[in-house]
Amino acid sequence: MTGIFTLNKSMIHKALNPIMVKYIPVFLLATLLNTLSFAQNYAIPEETERIVFLGNSITYSGKFVAYVDAYLTLRYPERKLEIINLGLPSETVSGLSEPNHADGKFPRPDLRERLQRVLVQLKPDLVIANYGMNDGIYLPFDEERFDQFKAGMDWLHQAVENSGAEITHVTPPIYDEIKGAAYANVLDLYSDWLISRCYTADWRVIDLHFPMKKQLEDLREIDPEFAFAKDGVHPDDAGHFLIAKIILLGLGEQVTEAKTIEELLAPFPNGKQVLDLIEQRQEILKLAWLSKTGHQRPGIPEGLSMEEAEEKVAEINREIQFLVKKTYS
């Protein structure tokens, strides 16, 4: 990925008077910032132990979360970070749903229904949230739907902060414009607004959307048929790697040169084995915690009891620790 560098808020304010920033329309400000192709640096605080990922089906699928988990486990074996994926397919923060969603079988789940239980039961130190893809419900831009998305994001941010946790937002992945330019534009606008909250509300926001869009454009110059998501929404493994890489860059990791998950883990002799174990751990914990905290999304497999899940995870962790110890011995 090209054209990404770290840009902090003080640099912006040297170029733009803070009073002016307050009154610049959010789309104009975000557009200006996006022309700089910036990536924020939000290093995980030393005291952080439990990180919870929230999002929709892209998060639930788990690939990019496992990639992030594997890299951090191998890079910082002494930290003992616990990363838990609580993504839920179809979910929104806007509370919106199409009348015929899932062929009319069920409405889209609303994060409001379950968030408080997640925060109370898991007690995360850091929440990394990725919403937006479903929140415009795949229709052309509408101001009222946009207002509901913004209200939902404001609510999410405040709820997490009120729990005592920190929150880092991630702009939504792209919707492939080949599948619909109107909805691709909706996610551009939603991402613009979310980026603007860095400067209007002091939020921590990692921009995934516009670097992913630029990468797709670059790859389509080489291969016009290239796609990260054949259905326009759900990324393949390469797309999940790009998501993981951009999040790691946003967390201050020096991973710019890696082009695949294999390259990312290449410095660690047992990287692939550790990743395989982490994918198993992620799946067990995800389903166990989704079942324990509860949700209203049909079709999610029942997880193990927390006691059974913790027993299996403890065994996996011993295997991971053995492999990591070999890496550094």
C-alpha atoms as a PDB file:
ATOM      1  CA  MET A   1       0.000   0.000   0.000  1.00  0.00           C
ATOM      2  CA  THR A   2       1.374   3.384  -0.948  1.00  0.00           C
ATOM      3  CA  GLY A   3       0.941   6.946   0.185  1.00  0.00           C
ATOM      4  CA  ILE A   4       0.268   6.387   3.908  1.00  0.00           C
ATOM      5  CA  PHE A   5       2.161   8.311   6.572  1.00  0.00           C
ATOM      6  CA  THR A   6       1.542   9.390  10.138  1.00  0.00           C
ATOM      7  CA  LEU A   7      -0.107  12.774  10.578  1.00  0.00           C
ATOM      8  CA  ASN A   8      -0.924  13.980  14.063  1.00  0.00           C
ATOM      9  CA  LYS A   9      -3.376  16.623  15.161  1.00  0.00           C
ATOM     10  CA  SER A  10      -0.736  19.234  15.970  1.00  0.00           C
ATOM     11  CA  MET A  11       0.450  19.103  12.363  1.00  0.00           C
ATOM     12  CA  ILE A  12      -3.103  19.721  11.152  1.00  0.00           C
ATOM     13  CA  HIS A  13      -3.543  22.643  13.516  1.00  0.00           C
ATOM     14  CA  LYS A  14      -0.351  24.273  12.277  1.00  0.00           C
ATOM     15  CA  ALA A  15      -1.953  24.334   8.844  1.00  0.00           C
ATOM     16  CA  LEU A  16      -5.496  25.061  10.017  1.00  0.00           C
ATOM     17  CA  ASN A  17      -6.307  27.371  12.893  1.00  0.00           C
ATOM     18  CA  PRO A  18      -8.269  25.364  15.509  1.00  0.00           C
ATOM     19  CA  ILE A  19     -11.057  27.932  15.522  1.00  0.00           C
ATOM     20  CA  MET A  20     -11.351  27.596  11.751  1.00  0.00           C
ATOM     21  CA  VAL A  21     -11.412  23.807  12.054  1.00  0.00           C
ATOM     22  CA  LYS A  22     -14.440  24.078  14.320  1.00  0.00           C
ATOM     23  CA  TYR A  23     -16.460  25.887  11.666  1.00  0.00           C
ATOM     24  CA  ILE A  24     -15.298  24.230   8.469  1.00  0.00           C
ATOM     25  CA  PRO A  25     -18.121  21.991   7.154  1.00  0.00           C
ATOM     26  CA  VAL A  26     -17.300  18.419   8.087  1.00  0.00           C
ATOM     27  CA  PHE A  27     -17.302  17.130   4.500  1.00  0.00           C
ATOM     28  CA  LEU A  28     -14.940  19.921   3.377  1.00  0.00           C
ATOM     29  CA  LEU A  29     -12.589  19.299   6.292  1.00  0.00           C
ATOM     30  CA  ALA A  30     -12.608  15.530   5.780  1.00  0.00           C
ATOM     31  CA  THR A  31     -12.020  15.927   2.041  1.00  0.00           C
ATOM     32  CA  LEU A  32      -9.031  18.154   2.752  1.00  0.00           C
ATOM     33  CA  LEU A  33      -7.634  15.652   5.226  1.00  0.00           C
ATOM     34  CA  ASN A  34      -8.201  12.728   2.866  1.00  0.00           C
ATOM     35  CA  THR A  35      -6.156  14.412   0.146  1.00  0.00           C
ATOM     36  CA  LEU A  36      -3.214  14.040   2.539  1.00  0.00           C
ATOM     37  CA  SER A  37      -3.701  10.223   2.731  1.00  0.00           C
ATOM     38  CA  PHE A  38      -3.017  10.153   6.439  1.00  0.00           C
ATOM     39  CA  ALA A  39      -3.001   7.396   9.015  1.00  0.00           C
ATOM     40  CA  GLN A  40      -3.355   8.146  12.690  1.00  0.00           C
ATOM     41  CA  ASN A  41      -1.136   6.451  15.255  1.00  0.00           C
ATOM     42  CA  TYR A  42      -2.985   5.123  18.298  1.00  0.00           C
ATOM     43  CA  ALA A  43      -0.519   2.859  20.056  1.00  0.00           C
ATOM     44  CA  ILE A  44      -2.224   0.435  22.436  1.00  0.00           C
ATOM     45  CA  PRO A  45      -1.655   1.744  25.992  1.00  0.00           C
ATOM     46  CA  GLU A  46       0.640  -0.390  28.132  1.00  0.00           C
ATOM     47  CA  GLU A  47      -2.102  -0.999  30.691  1.00  0.00           C
ATOM     48  CA  THR A  48      -4.494  -2.417  28.084  1.00  0.00           C
ATOM     49  CA  GLU A  49      -5.236  -6.120  28.536  1.00  0.00           C
ATOM     50  CA  ARG A  50      -8.600  -6.890  26.912  1.00  0.00           C
ATOM     51  CA  ILE A  51      -9.506  -5.603  23.450  1.00  0.00           C
ATOM     52  CA  VAL A  52     -12.987  -6.216  22.038  1.00  0.00           C
ATOM     53  CA  PHE A  53     -13.734  -5.851  18.317  1.00  0.00           C
ATOM     54  CA  LEU A  54     -17.300  -4.851  17.438  1.00  0.00           C
ATOM     55  CA  GLY A  55     -18.755  -4.775  13.953  1.00  0.00           C
ATOM     56  CA  ASN A  56     -20.924  -6.558  11.419  1.00  0.00           C
ATOM     57  CA  SER A  57     -20.410  -9.698   9.302  1.00  0.00           C
ATOM     58  CA  ILE A  58     -16.979  -8.560   8.087  1.00  0.00           C
ATOM     59  CA  THR A  59     -15.771  -8.459  11.689  1.00  0.00           C
ATOM     60  CA  TYR A  60     -17.691 -11.618  12.616  1.00  0.00           C
ATOM     61  CA  SER A  61     -15.959 -13.604   9.863  1.00  0.00           C
ATOM     62  CA  GLY A  62     -12.867 -13.139  11.972  1.00  0.00           C
ATOM     63  CA  LYS A  63     -10.007 -13.180   9.471  1.00  0.00           C
ATOM     64  CA  PHE A  64      -8.667  -9.673   9.990  1.00  0.00           C
ATOM     65  CA  VAL A  65      -9.132  -9.923  13.767  1.00  0.00           C
ATOM     66  CA  ALA A  66      -7.093 -13.157  13.833  1.00  0.00           C
ATOM     67  CA  TYR A  67      -4.379 -11.536  11.692  1.00  0.00           C
ATOM     68  CA  VAL A  68      -4.140  -8.593  14.096  1.00  0.00           C
ATOM     69  CA  ASP A  69      -4.145 -10.950  17.088  1.00  0.00           C
ATOM     70  CA  ALA A  70      -1.419 -13.172  15.599  1.00  0.00           C
ATOM     71  CA  TYR A  71       0.873 -10.252  14.803  1.00  0.00           C
ATOM     72  CA  LEU A  72       0.510  -8.653  18.231  1.00  0.00           C
ATOM     73  CA  THR A  73       0.941 -12.016  19.986  1.00  0.00           C
ATOM     74  CA  LEU A  74       4.179 -12.685  18.121  1.00  0.00           C
ATOM     75  CA  ARG A  75       5.474  -9.122  18.247  1.00  0.00           C
ATOM     76  CA  TYR A  76       4.730  -8.537  21.933  1.00  0.00           C
ATOM     77  CA  PRO A  77       4.739 -11.933  23.692  1.00  0.00           C
ATOM     78  CA  GLU A  78       5.211 -10.289  27.082  1.00  0.00           C
ATOM     79  CA  ARG A  79       2.009  -8.257  26.829  1.00  0.00           C
ATOM     80  CA  LYS A  80      -0.525 -11.085  27.079  1.00  0.00           C
ATOM     81  CA  LEU A  81      -3.186  -9.122  25.211  1.00  0.00           C
ATOM     82  CA  GLU A  82      -6.616 -10.762  25.068  1.00  0.00           C
ATOM     83  CA  ILE A  83      -8.403  -9.967  21.816  1.00  0.00           C
ATOM     84  CA  ILE A  84     -12.066 -10.965  21.535  1.00  0.00           C
ATOM     85  CA  ASN A  85     -14.201 -10.726  18.401  1.00  0.00           C
ATOM     86  CA  LEU A  86     -17.837  -9.804  19.107  1.00  0.00           C
ATOM     87  CA  GLY A  87     -18.863  -8.895  15.562  1.00  0.00           C
ATOM     88  CA  LEU A  88     -22.426  -9.807  14.594  1.00  0.00           C
ATOM     89  CA  PRO A  89     -23.625 -10.348  11.004  1.00  0.00           C
ATOM     90  CA  SER A  90     -26.138  -7.817   9.629  1.00  0.00           C
ATOM     91  CA  GLU A  91     -25.728  -5.475  12.626  1.00  0.00           C
ATOM     92  CA  THR A  92     -26.034  -1.687  12.482  1.00  0.00           C
ATOM     93  CA  VAL A  93     -25.579   1.246  14.842  1.00  0.00           C
ATOM     94  CA  SER A  94     -28.222   3.228  12.958  1.00  0.00           C
ATOM     95  CA  GLY A  95     -31.043   0.896  14.003  1.00  0.00           C
ATOM     96  CA  LEU A  96     -32.210   0.749  10.378  1.00  0.00           C
ATOM     97  CA  SER A  97     -33.288  -2.316   8.431  1.00  0.00           C
ATOM     98  CA  GLU A  98     -34.718  -3.001   4.996  1.00  0.00           C
ATOM     99  CA  PRO A  99     -38.327  -4.284   4.992  1.00  0.00           C
ATOM    100  CA  ASN A 100     -37.184  -7.371   3.075  1.00  0.00           C
ATOM    101  CA  HIS A 101     -33.918  -7.981   4.902  1.00  0.00           C
ATOM    102  CA  ALA A 102     -32.969 -11.677   4.762  1.00  0.00           C
ATOM    103  CA  ASP A 103     -36.012 -12.291   2.555  1.00  0.00           C
ATOM    104  CA  GLY A 104     -38.190 -10.894   5.332  1.00  0.00           C
ATOM    105  CA  LYS A 105     -37.057 -13.490   7.881  1.00  0.00           C
ATOM    106  CA  PHE A 106     -35.674 -11.023  10.435  1.00  0.00           C
ATOM    107  CA  PRO A 107     -34.718  -7.350  10.711  1.00  0.00           C
ATOM    108  CA  ARG A 108     -31.130  -6.256  11.044  1.00  0.00           C
ATOM    109  CA  PRO A 109     -29.942  -6.487  14.646  1.00  0.00           C
ATOM    110  CA  ASP A 110     -29.305  -3.157  16.364  1.00  0.00           C
ATOM    111  CA  LEU A 111     -26.154  -2.820  18.491  1.00  0.00           C
ATOM    112  CA  ARG A 112     -28.201  -0.919  21.086  1.00  0.00           C
ATOM    113  CA  GLU A 113     -29.920  -4.182  22.035  1.00  0.00           C
ATOM    114  CA  ARG A 114     -26.700  -5.869  23.237  1.00  0.00           C
ATOM    115  CA  LEU A 115     -23.931  -3.333  23.787  1.00  0.00           C
ATOM    116  CA  GLN A 116     -24.505  -2.755  27.485  1.00  0.00           C
ATOM    117  CA  ARG A 117     -24.348  -6.495  28.212  1.00  0.00           C
ATOM    118  CA  VAL A 118     -21.104  -6.764  26.227  1.00  0.00           C
ATOM    119  CA  LEU A 119     -19.516  -3.890  28.144  1.00  0.00           C
ATOM    120  CA  VAL A 120     -20.664  -5.092  31.549  1.00  0.00           C
ATOM    121  CA  GLN A 121     -19.733  -8.752  31.067  1.00  0.00           C
ATOM    122  CA  LEU A 122     -16.466  -8.411  29.144  1.00  0.00           C
ATOM    123  CA  LYS A 123     -15.185  -5.204  30.788  1.00  0.00           C
ATOM    124  CA  PRO A 124     -12.908  -4.304  27.861  1.00  0.00           C
ATOM    125  CA  ASP A 125     -10.053  -1.857  28.199  1.00  0.00           C
ATOM    126  CA  LEU A 126     -10.285  -0.950  24.515  1.00  0.00           C
ATOM    127  CA  VAL A 127     -13.076  -1.332  21.956  1.00  0.00           C
ATOM    128  CA  ILE A 128     -12.248  -1.246  18.236  1.00  0.00           C
ATOM    129  CA  ALA A 129     -15.490  -0.614  16.350  1.00  0.00           C
ATOM    130  CA  ASN A 130     -16.141  -0.982  12.627  1.00  0.00           C
ATOM    131  CA  TYR A 131     -19.608   0.075  11.490  1.00  0.00           C
ATOM    132  CA  GLY A 132     -21.091   1.786   8.454  1.00  0.00           C
ATOM    133  CA  MET A 133     -21.277  -0.920   5.794  1.00  0.00           C
ATOM    134  CA  ASN A 134     -24.868  -1.882   6.685  1.00  0.00           C
ATOM    135  CA  ASP A 135     -25.989   1.436   8.104  1.00  0.00           C
ATOM    136  CA  GLY A 136     -27.140   3.018   4.863  1.00  0.00           C
ATOM    137  CA  ILE A 137     -29.066  -0.233   4.179  1.00  0.00           C
ATOM    138  CA  TYR A 138     -27.701  -0.359   0.619  1.00  0.00           C
ATOM    139  CA  LEU A 139     -29.806   2.554  -0.642  1.00  0.00           C
ATOM    140  CA  PRO A 140     -28.719   5.862  -2.205  1.00  0.00           C
ATOM    141  CA  PHE A 141     -27.781   8.687   0.146  1.00  0.00           C
ATOM    142  CA  ASP A 142     -30.552  10.039   2.349  1.00  0.00           C
ATOM    143  CA  GLU A 143     -30.083  12.770   4.961  1.00  0.00           C
ATOM    144  CA  GLU A 144     -32.380  11.122   7.502  1.00  0.00           C
ATOM    145  CA  ARG A 145     -30.551   7.788   7.282  1.00  0.00           C
ATOM    146  CA  PHE A 146     -27.265   9.661   7.594  1.00  0.00           C
ATOM    147  CA  ASP A 147     -28.511  11.425  10.733  1.00  0.00           C
ATOM    148  CA  GLN A 148     -29.441   8.069  12.249  1.00  0.00           C
ATOM    149  CA  PHE A 149     -25.966   6.707  11.496  1.00  0.00           C
ATOM    150  CA  LYS A 150     -24.325   9.743  13.112  1.00  0.00           C
ATOM    151  CA  ALA A 151     -26.604   9.505  16.152  1.00  0.00           C
ATOM    152  CA  GLY A 152     -25.809   5.808  16.502  1.00  0.00           C
ATOM    153  CA  MET A 153     -22.067   6.414  16.303  1.00  0.00           C
ATOM    154  CA  ASP A 154     -22.285   9.213  18.880  1.00  0.00           C
ATOM    155  CA  TRP A 155     -24.277   6.903  21.164  1.00  0.00           C
ATOM    156  CA  LEU A 156     -21.774   4.050  20.732  1.00  0.00           C
ATOM    157  CA  HIS A 157     -18.830   6.306  21.462  1.00  0.00           C
ATOM    158  CA  GLN A 158     -20.406   7.729  24.610  1.00  0.00           C
ATOM    159  CA  ALA A 159     -21.589   4.329  25.871  1.00  0.00           C
ATOM    160  CA  VAL A 160     -18.097   2.853  25.616  1.00  0.00           C
ATOM    161  CA  GLU A 161     -16.482   5.856  27.285  1.00  0.00           C
ATOM    162  CA  ASN A 162     -19.094   5.783  30.057  1.00  0.00           C
ATOM    163  CA  SER A 163     -18.110   2.158  30.750  1.00  0.00           C
ATOM    164  CA  GLY A 164     -14.539   3.242  31.444  1.00  0.00           C
ATOM    165  CA  ALA A 165     -13.111   1.752  28.238  1.00  0.00           C
ATOM    166  CA  GLU A 166     -11.400   3.547  25.383  1.00  0.00           C
ATOM    167  CA  ILE A 167     -12.770   3.331  21.852  1.00  0.00           C
ATOM    168  CA  THR A 168     -11.068   3.485  18.477  1.00  0.00           C
ATOM    169  CA  HIS A 169     -13.319   3.700  15.437  1.00  0.00           C
ATOM    170  CA  VAL A 170     -12.424   2.237  12.035  1.00  0.00           C
ATOM    171  CA  THR A 171     -14.048   3.653   8.922  1.00  0.00           C
ATOM    172  CA  PRO A 172     -16.019   1.037   6.944  1.00  0.00           C
ATOM    173  CA  PRO A 173     -14.444  -1.061   4.207  1.00  0.00           C
ATOM    174  CA  ILE A 174     -15.378  -0.059   0.689  1.00  0.00           C
ATOM    175  CA  TYR A 175     -18.515  -1.102  -1.108  1.00  0.00           C
ATOM    176  CA  ASP A 176     -17.297  -1.956  -4.592  1.00  0.00           C
ATOM    177  CA  GLU A 177     -18.641   0.702  -6.951  1.00  0.00           C
ATOM    178  CA  ILE A 178     -18.909  -1.919  -9.712  1.00  0.00           C
ATOM    179  CA  LYS A 179     -21.810  -3.311  -7.675  1.00  0.00           C
ATOM    180  CA  GLY A 180     -23.360   0.109  -7.209  1.00  0.00           C
ATOM    181  CA  ALA A 181     -21.775   3.558  -7.438  1.00  0.00           C
ATOM    182  CA  ALA A 182     -24.549   5.193  -5.397  1.00  0.00           C
ATOM    183  CA  TYR A 183     -23.929   3.083  -2.306  1.00  0.00           C
ATOM    184  CA  ALA A 184     -20.163   3.328  -2.732  1.00  0.00           C
ATOM    185  CA  ASN A 185     -20.668   7.091  -2.500  1.00  0.00           C
ATOM    186  CA  VAL A 186     -22.778   6.694   0.664  1.00  0.00           C
ATOM    187  CA  LEU A 187     -19.859   4.976   2.398  1.00  0.00           C
ATOM    188  CA  ASP A 188     -17.497   7.709   1.176  1.00  0.00           C
ATOM    189  CA  LEU A 189     -19.714  10.260   2.915  1.00  0.00           C
ATOM    190  CA  TYR A 190     -20.106   8.187   6.087  1.00  0.00           C
ATOM    191  CA  SER A 191     -16.327   7.706   6.241  1.00  0.00           C
ATOM    192  CA  ASP A 192     -15.709  11.422   5.650  1.00  0.00           C
ATOM    193  CA  TRP A 193     -17.925  12.271   8.606  1.00  0.00           C
ATOM    194  CA  LEU A 194     -16.285   9.704  10.868  1.00  0.00           C
ATOM    195  CA  ILE A 195     -12.807  11.009  10.005  1.00  0.00           C
ATOM    196  CA  SER A 196     -13.967  14.548  10.756  1.00  0.00           C
ATOM    197  CA  ARG A 197     -14.776  13.469  14.333  1.00  0.00           C
ATOM    198  CA  CYS A 198     -11.028  13.246  14.959  1.00  0.00           C
ATOM    199  CA  TYR A 199     -10.897  17.011  14.681  1.00  0.00           C
ATOM    200  CA  THR A 200     -14.335  18.102  15.825  1.00  0.00           C
ATOM    201  CA  ALA A 201     -14.748  15.733  18.803  1.00  0.00           C
ATOM    202  CA  ASP A 202     -11.245  14.365  19.521  1.00  0.00           C
ATOM    203  CA  TRP A 203     -12.180  10.802  18.542  1.00  0.00           C
ATOM    204  CA  ARG A 204      -9.605   8.169  17.673  1.00  0.00           C
ATOM    205  CA  VAL A 205     -10.374   7.071  14.112  1.00  0.00           C
ATOM    206  CA  ILE A 206      -8.364   4.759  11.873  1.00  0.00           C
ATOM    207  CA  ASP A 207      -9.198   5.395   8.232  1.00  0.00           C
ATOM    208  CA  LEU A 208      -9.590   2.062   6.474  1.00  0.00           C
ATOM    209  CA  HIS A 209     -12.026   3.198   3.801  1.00  0.00           C
ATOM    210  CA  PHE A 210      -9.992   5.574   1.665  1.00  0.00           C
ATOM    211  CA  PRO A 211      -6.688   3.620   1.689  1.00  0.00           C
ATOM    212  CA  MET A 212      -8.664   0.506   0.719  1.00  0.00           C
ATOM    213  CA  LYS A 213     -10.373   2.445  -2.070  1.00  0.00           C
ATOM    214  CA  LYS A 214      -7.006   3.708  -3.343  1.00  0.00           C
ATOM    215  CA  GLN A 215      -5.529   0.196  -3.227  1.00  0.00           C
ATOM    216  CA  LEU A 216      -8.451  -1.172  -5.247  1.00  0.00           C
ATOM    217  CA  GLU A 217      -8.046   1.583  -7.838  1.00  0.00           C
ATOM    218  CA  ASP A 218      -4.308   0.861  -8.144  1.00  0.00           C
ATOM    219  CA  LEU A 219      -4.868  -2.882  -8.533  1.00  0.00           C
ATOM    220  CA  ARG A 220      -7.600  -2.330 -11.128  1.00  0.00           C
ATOM    221  CA  GLU A 221      -5.125  -0.421 -13.268  1.00  0.00           C
ATOM    222  CA  ILE A 222      -3.168  -3.689 -13.474  1.00  0.00           C
ATOM    223  CA  ASP A 223      -6.173  -6.027 -13.615  1.00  0.00           C
ATOM    224  CA  PRO A 224      -9.556  -4.419 -14.429  1.00  0.00           C
ATOM    225  CA  GLU A 225     -11.334  -7.520 -13.074  1.00  0.00           C
ATOM    226  CA  PHE A 226      -9.670  -7.402  -9.670  1.00  0.00           C
ATOM    227  CA  ALA A 227     -11.972  -7.282  -6.626  1.00  0.00           C
ATOM    228  CA  PHE A 228     -11.514  -7.584  -2.891  1.00  0.00           C
ATOM    229  CA  ALA A 229     -15.154  -8.649  -2.558  1.00  0.00           C
ATOM    230  CA  LYS A 230     -16.945 -10.554  -5.303  1.00  0.00           C
ATOM    231  CA  ASP A 231     -20.315  -9.518  -3.843  1.00  0.00           C
ATOM    232  CA  GLY A 232     -19.134  -5.938  -3.324  1.00  0.00           C
ATOM    233  CA  VAL A 233     -19.291  -6.266   0.486  1.00  0.00           C
ATOM    234  CA  HIS A 234     -17.493  -9.244   2.051  1.00  0.00           C
ATOM    235  CA  PRO A 235     -13.714  -9.153   1.461  1.00  0.00           C
ATOM    236  CA  ASP A 236     -11.685 -12.209   0.536  1.00  0.00           C
ATOM    237  CA  ASP A 237      -8.506 -13.159   2.413  1.00  0.00           C
ATOM    238  CA  ALA A 238      -6.505 -10.464   0.607  1.00  0.00           C
ATOM    239  CA  GLY A 239      -9.091  -7.898   1.638  1.00  0.00           C
ATOM    240  CA  HIS A 240      -8.986  -9.080   5.239  1.00  0.00           C
ATOM    241  CA  PHE A 241      -5.207  -8.851   5.216  1.00  0.00           C
ATOM    242  CA  LEU A 242      -5.419  -5.268   3.971  1.00  0.00           C
ATOM    243  CA  ILE A 243      -7.906  -4.432   6.745  1.00  0.00           C
ATOM    244  CA  ALA A 244      -5.579  -5.966   9.347  1.00  0.00           C
ATOM    245  CA  LYS A 245      -2.579  -4.137   7.940  1.00  0.00           C
ATOM    246  CA  ILE A 246      -4.308  -0.748   7.979  1.00  0.00           C
ATOM    247  CA  ILE A 247      -5.500  -1.293  11.549  1.00  0.00           C
ATOM    248  CA  LEU A 248      -1.979  -2.289  12.627  1.00  0.00           C
ATOM    249  CA  LEU A 249      -0.585   0.822  10.927  1.00  0.00           C
ATOM    250  CA  GLY A 250      -3.193   2.856  12.789  1.00  0.00           C
ATOM    251  CA  LEU A 251      -1.993   1.260  16.023  1.00  0.00           C
ATOM    252  CA  GLY A 252       1.515   2.449  15.261  1.00  0.00           C
ATOM    253  CA  GLU A 253       2.991  -0.812  13.961  1.00  0.00           C
ATOM    254  CA  GLN A 254       5.685  -0.651  11.283  1.00  0.00           C
ATOM    255  CA  VAL A 255       4.159  -3.073   8.787  1.00  0.00           C
ATOM    256  CA  THR A 256       4.108  -0.940   5.643  1.00  0.00           C
ATOM    257  CA  GLU A 257       6.207  -3.320   3.550  1.00  0.00           C
ATOM    258  CA  ALA A 258       4.171  -6.490   4.146  1.00  0.00           C
ATOM    259  CA  LYS A 259       1.946  -7.407   1.189  1.00  0.00           C
ATOM    260  CA  THR A 260       0.470 -10.677   2.481  1.00  0.00           C
ATOM    261  CA  ILE A 261      -0.171 -12.331   5.838  1.00  0.00           C
ATOM    262  CA  GLU A 262       2.747 -14.648   5.064  1.00  0.00           C
ATOM    263  CA  GLU A 263       5.077 -11.661   4.680  1.00  0.00           C
ATOM    264  CA  LEU A 264       3.683 -10.059   7.841  1.00  0.00           C
ATOM    265  CA  LEU A 265       4.457 -13.156   9.905  1.00  0.00           C
ATOM    266  CA  ALA A 266       7.676 -14.105   8.074  1.00  0.00           C
ATOM    267  CA  PRO A 267       9.987 -12.578  10.734  1.00  0.00           C
ATOM    268  CA  PHE A 268       8.593 -15.089  13.244  1.00  0.00           C
ATOM    269  CA  PRO A 269       9.726 -18.711  12.613  1.00  0.00           C
ATOM    270  CA  ASN A 270       6.515 -20.240  13.972  1.00  0.00           C
ATOM    271  CA  GLY A 271       4.171 -17.544  12.690  1.00  0.00           C
ATOM    272  CA  LYS A 272       1.905 -19.745  10.575  1.00  0.00           C
ATOM    273  CA  GLN A 273       1.440 -22.293  13.369  1.00  0.00           C
ATOM    274  CA  VAL A 274       0.626 -19.527  15.837  1.00  0.00           C
ATOM    275  CA  LEU A 275      -1.896 -18.016  13.413  1.00  0.00           C
ATOM    276  CA  ASP A 276      -3.637 -21.378  13.009  1.00  0.00           C
ATOM    277  CA  LEU A 277      -3.974 -21.715  16.782  1.00  0.00           C
ATOM    278  CA  ILE A 278      -5.166 -18.133  17.167  1.00  0.00           C
ATOM    279  CA  GLU A 279      -7.866 -18.681  14.557  1.00  0.00           C
ATOM    280  CA  GLN A 280      -9.100 -21.629  16.639  1.00  0.00           C
ATOM    281  CA  ARG A 281      -8.980 -19.533  19.814  1.00  0.00           C
ATOM    282  CA  GLN A 282     -10.802 -16.662  18.161  1.00  0.00           C
ATOM    283  CA  GLU A 283     -13.644 -18.875  16.958  1.00  0.00           C
ATOM    284  CA  ILE A 284     -14.146 -20.538  20.347  1.00  0.00           C
ATOM    285  CA  LEU A 285     -14.185 -17.250  22.262  1.00  0.00           C
ATOM    286  CA  LYS A 286     -16.357 -15.461  19.715  1.00  0.00           C
ATOM    287  CA  LEU A 287     -19.169 -18.003  19.799  1.00  0.00           C
ATOM    288  CA  ALA A 288     -18.942 -18.502  23.557  1.00  0.00           C
ATOM    289  CA  TRP A 289     -19.168 -14.783  24.301  1.00  0.00           C
ATOM    290  CA  LEU A 290     -21.903 -14.155  21.720  1.00  0.00           C
ATOM    291  CA  SER A 291     -23.966 -16.876  23.369  1.00  0.00           C
ATOM    292  CA  LYS A 292     -23.243 -15.622  26.887  1.00  0.00           C
ATOM    293  CA  THR A 293     -23.920 -11.933  26.182  1.00  0.00           C
ATOM    294  CA  GLY A 294     -26.919 -12.704  23.962  1.00  0.00           C
ATOM    295  CA  HIS A 295     -28.117 -11.243  20.662  1.00  0.00           C
ATOM    296  CA  GLN A 296     -31.128 -11.292  18.339  1.00  0.00           C
ATOM    297  CA  ARG A 297     -29.454 -12.531  15.148  1.00  0.00           C
ATOM    298  CA  PRO A 298     -30.792 -15.939  13.978  1.00  0.00           C
ATOM    299  CA  GLY A 299     -28.388 -18.438  12.469  1.00  0.00           C
ATOM    300  CA  ILE A 300     -25.410 -17.948  14.782  1.00  0.00           C
ATOM    301  CA  PRO A 301     -24.059 -21.273  16.106  1.00  0.00           C
ATOM    302  CA  GLU A 302     -24.386 -21.825  19.827  1.00  0.00           C
ATOM    303  CA  GLY A 303     -21.084 -21.409  21.607  1.00  0.00           C
ATOM    304  CA  LEU A 304     -19.574 -23.482  24.357  1.00  0.00           C
ATOM    305  CA  SER A 305     -20.236 -22.550  27.958  1.00  0.00           C
ATOM    306  CA  MET A 306     -17.645 -20.095  29.217  1.00  0.00           C
ATOM    307  CA  GLU A 307     -16.169 -22.788  31.454  1.00  0.00           C
ATOM    308  CA  GLU A 308     -15.704 -25.177  28.513  1.00  0.00           C
ATOM    309  CA  ALA A 309     -14.424 -22.379  26.259  1.00  0.00           C
ATOM    310  CA  GLU A 310     -11.875 -21.211  28.823  1.00  0.00           C
ATOM    311  CA  GLU A 311     -10.635 -24.761  29.300  1.00  0.00           C
ATOM    312  CA  LYS A 312     -10.073 -25.215  25.552  1.00  0.00           C
ATOM    313  CA  VAL A 313      -8.533 -21.761  25.206  1.00  0.00           C
ATOM    314  CA  ALA A 314      -6.132 -22.439  28.085  1.00  0.00           C
ATOM    315  CA  GLU A 315      -4.871 -25.508  26.234  1.00  0.00           C
ATOM    316  CA  ILE A 316      -4.461 -23.531  23.000  1.00  0.00           C
ATOM    317  CA  ASN A 317      -2.655 -20.766  24.884  1.00  0.00           C
ATOM    318  CA  ARG A 318      -0.140 -23.262  26.247  1.00  0.00           C
ATOM    319  CA  GLU A 319       0.619 -24.387  22.686  1.00  0.00           C
ATOM    320  CA  ILE A 320       0.963 -20.776  21.539  1.00  0.00           C
ATOM    321  CA  GLN A 321       3.264 -19.906  24.419  1.00  0.00           C
ATOM    322  CA  PHE A 322       5.454 -22.915  23.606  1.00  0.00           C
ATOM    323  CA  LEU A 323       5.774 -21.834  19.956  1.00  0.00           C
ATOM    324  CA  VAL A 324       6.391 -18.197  20.841  1.00  0.00           C
ATOM    325  CA  LYS A 325       9.041 -19.195  23.374  1.00  0.00           C
ATOM    326  CA  LYS A 326      10.790 -21.207  20.644  1.00  0.00           C
ATOM    327  CA  THR A 327      10.659 -18.114  18.409  1.00  0.00           C
ATOM    328  CA  TYR A 328      12.538 -16.000  20.941  1.00  0.00           C
ATOM    329  CA  SER A 329      14.856 -18.676  22.367  1.00  0.00           C
END
